[in-house]
Amino acid sequence: MSDSFIEALVSRQGASAETARRCAELVASSTPEVQEAAAKWVETGRYPTQPEIAGQSAATLGVRLRPTQVFSALVALATDAAGALHILDGYGRQAPTTALAEGSLPLEAQGHEND
């Protein structure tokens, strides 16, 4: 993933450089569709509606999650949709930061437990 993705995570979310780097590595290891969604977010500043994986997209996830969580969730959905949905659905409409911080999904929520 590009340096511009890391810079966007730091400037738009306030993520640490390390958290942004780990998220970028995760996205870079994912599908081309997830990578393209991240690139569109960097370019436009808006979460794209595609890809939609198991009824979720960056746009739907972005309503309740921070950017590092949005893109990590897309990676998790692309890898194990049922497992990722179980975690996301288990927290209803509240952002699942506790489970994410505990590593139930590879979402970088450390330092943002109360966000």
Protein backbone atom coordinates (compact mmCIF):
# COMPACT_ATOMS: atom_id res chain seq x y z
CA MET A 1 0.00 0.00 0.00
CA SER A 2 1.23 3.46 -0.74
CA ASP A 3 2.69 6.08 1.52
CA SER A 4 -0.32 8.25 0.66
CA PHE A 5 -2.62 5.71 2.36
CA ILE A 6 -0.47 5.81 5.50
CA GLU A 7 -0.42 9.61 5.43
CA ALA A 8 -4.21 9.73 5.02
CA LEU A 9 -4.74 7.42 8.00
CA VAL A 10 -2.49 9.60 10.13
CA SER A 11 -3.98 12.93 9.04
CA ARG A 12 -7.67 11.99 8.73
CA GLN A 13 -7.96 9.60 11.65
CA GLY A 14 -5.10 10.67 13.84
CA ALA A 15 -3.70 7.14 13.78
CA SER A 16 -0.14 6.63 14.90
CA ALA A 17 2.37 6.05 12.13
CA GLU A 18 2.85 2.46 13.34
CA THR A 19 -0.89 1.73 13.34
CA ALA A 20 -1.23 3.26 9.89
CA ARG A 21 1.72 1.22 8.59
CA ARG A 22 0.26 -2.04 9.94
CA CYS A 23 -3.11 -1.28 8.39
CA ALA A 24 -1.43 -0.48 5.06
CA GLU A 25 0.46 -3.79 5.16
CA LEU A 26 -2.78 -5.64 5.89
CA VAL A 27 -4.58 -3.95 3.00
CA ALA A 28 -1.61 -4.58 0.67
CA SER A 29 -1.87 -8.30 1.44
CA SER A 30 -5.57 -8.39 0.58
CA THR A 31 -7.57 -8.56 -2.62
CA PRO A 32 -7.17 -6.04 -5.43
CA GLU A 33 -10.75 -4.87 -4.73
CA VAL A 34 -9.93 -3.97 -1.12
CA GLN A 35 -6.75 -2.24 -2.27
CA GLU A 36 -8.75 -0.25 -4.82
CA ALA A 37 -11.26 0.80 -2.13
CA ALA A 38 -8.41 2.13 0.00
CA ALA A 39 -6.95 3.99 -2.98
CA LYS A 40 -10.33 5.58 -3.75
CA TRP A 41 -10.66 6.70 -0.13
CA VAL A 42 -7.23 8.33 -0.30
CA GLU A 43 -8.11 10.06 -3.58
CA THR A 44 -11.62 11.25 -2.74
CA GLY A 45 -11.80 11.34 1.04
CA ARG A 46 -15.04 9.33 0.85
CA TYR A 47 -15.59 5.66 1.58
CA PRO A 48 -16.48 3.79 -1.61
CA THR A 49 -19.54 1.56 -1.89
CA GLN A 50 -17.54 -1.15 -3.67
CA PRO A 51 -16.48 -3.80 -3.08
CA GLU A 52 -19.47 -5.01 -1.17
CA ILE A 53 -18.60 -8.16 0.75
CA ALA A 54 -21.34 -10.00 2.63
CA GLY A 55 -23.48 -6.86 2.53
CA GLN A 56 -20.71 -4.60 3.86
CA SER A 57 -18.64 -1.98 2.11
CA ALA A 58 -16.27 0.74 3.25
CA ALA A 59 -19.23 3.14 3.07
CA THR A 60 -21.44 1.03 5.37
CA LEU A 61 -18.60 0.25 7.78
CA GLY A 62 -17.48 3.87 7.85
CA VAL A 63 -20.69 4.90 9.53
CA ARG A 64 -19.50 3.35 12.80
CA LEU A 65 -15.80 2.56 12.44
CA ARG A 66 -12.59 4.53 12.18
CA PRO A 67 -10.65 4.32 8.86
CA THR A 68 -8.10 1.75 10.09
CA GLN A 69 -10.99 -0.37 11.31
CA VAL A 70 -12.94 0.07 8.07
CA PHE A 71 -10.15 -1.19 5.87
CA SER A 72 -9.07 -3.92 8.26
CA ALA A 73 -12.70 -5.08 8.41
CA LEU A 74 -12.82 -5.24 4.61
CA VAL A 75 -9.70 -7.41 4.68
CA ALA A 76 -11.28 -9.66 7.30
CA LEU A 77 -14.51 -9.87 5.31
CA ALA A 78 -12.58 -10.81 2.18
CA THR A 79 -10.70 -13.48 4.13
CA ASP A 80 -13.43 -14.93 6.36
CA ALA A 81 -16.77 -13.20 5.79
CA ALA A 82 -18.70 -15.35 8.27
CA GLY A 83 -16.17 -14.83 11.06
CA ALA A 84 -15.90 -11.10 10.43
CA LEU A 85 -19.68 -10.68 10.31
CA HIS A 86 -20.02 -12.60 13.56
CA ILE A 87 -17.75 -10.09 15.30
CA LEU A 88 -19.30 -7.06 13.62
CA ASP A 89 -22.89 -8.21 14.17
CA GLY A 90 -22.20 -9.20 17.76
CA TYR A 91 -21.73 -5.55 18.59
CA GLY A 92 -24.85 -4.28 16.90
CA ARG A 93 -24.67 -0.64 15.97
CA GLN A 94 -21.92 0.18 18.47
CA ALA A 95 -18.39 0.23 17.11
CA PRO A 96 -16.78 -3.05 18.18
CA THR A 97 -13.60 -1.44 19.47
CA THR A 98 -13.14 -3.74 22.46
CA ALA A 99 -13.16 -6.94 20.40
CA LEU A 100 -11.10 -5.31 17.71
CA ALA A 101 -8.49 -4.12 20.20
CA GLU A 102 -8.33 -7.62 21.65
CA GLY A 103 -7.48 -8.99 18.23
CA SER A 104 -10.73 -10.75 17.37
CA LEU A 105 -10.32 -9.11 13.98
CA PRO A 106 -7.10 -7.61 12.69
CA LEU A 107 -8.40 -4.09 13.22
CA GLU A 108 -6.05 -1.53 14.63
CA ALA A 109 -8.12 -0.05 17.47
CA GLN A 110 -5.33 0.24 20.03
CA GLY A 111 -5.42 3.61 21.66
CA HIS A 112 -8.96 4.26 20.44
CA GLU A 113 -11.01 2.10 22.81
CA ASN A 114 -13.36 4.97 23.67
CA ASP A 115 -13.82 6.32 20.15
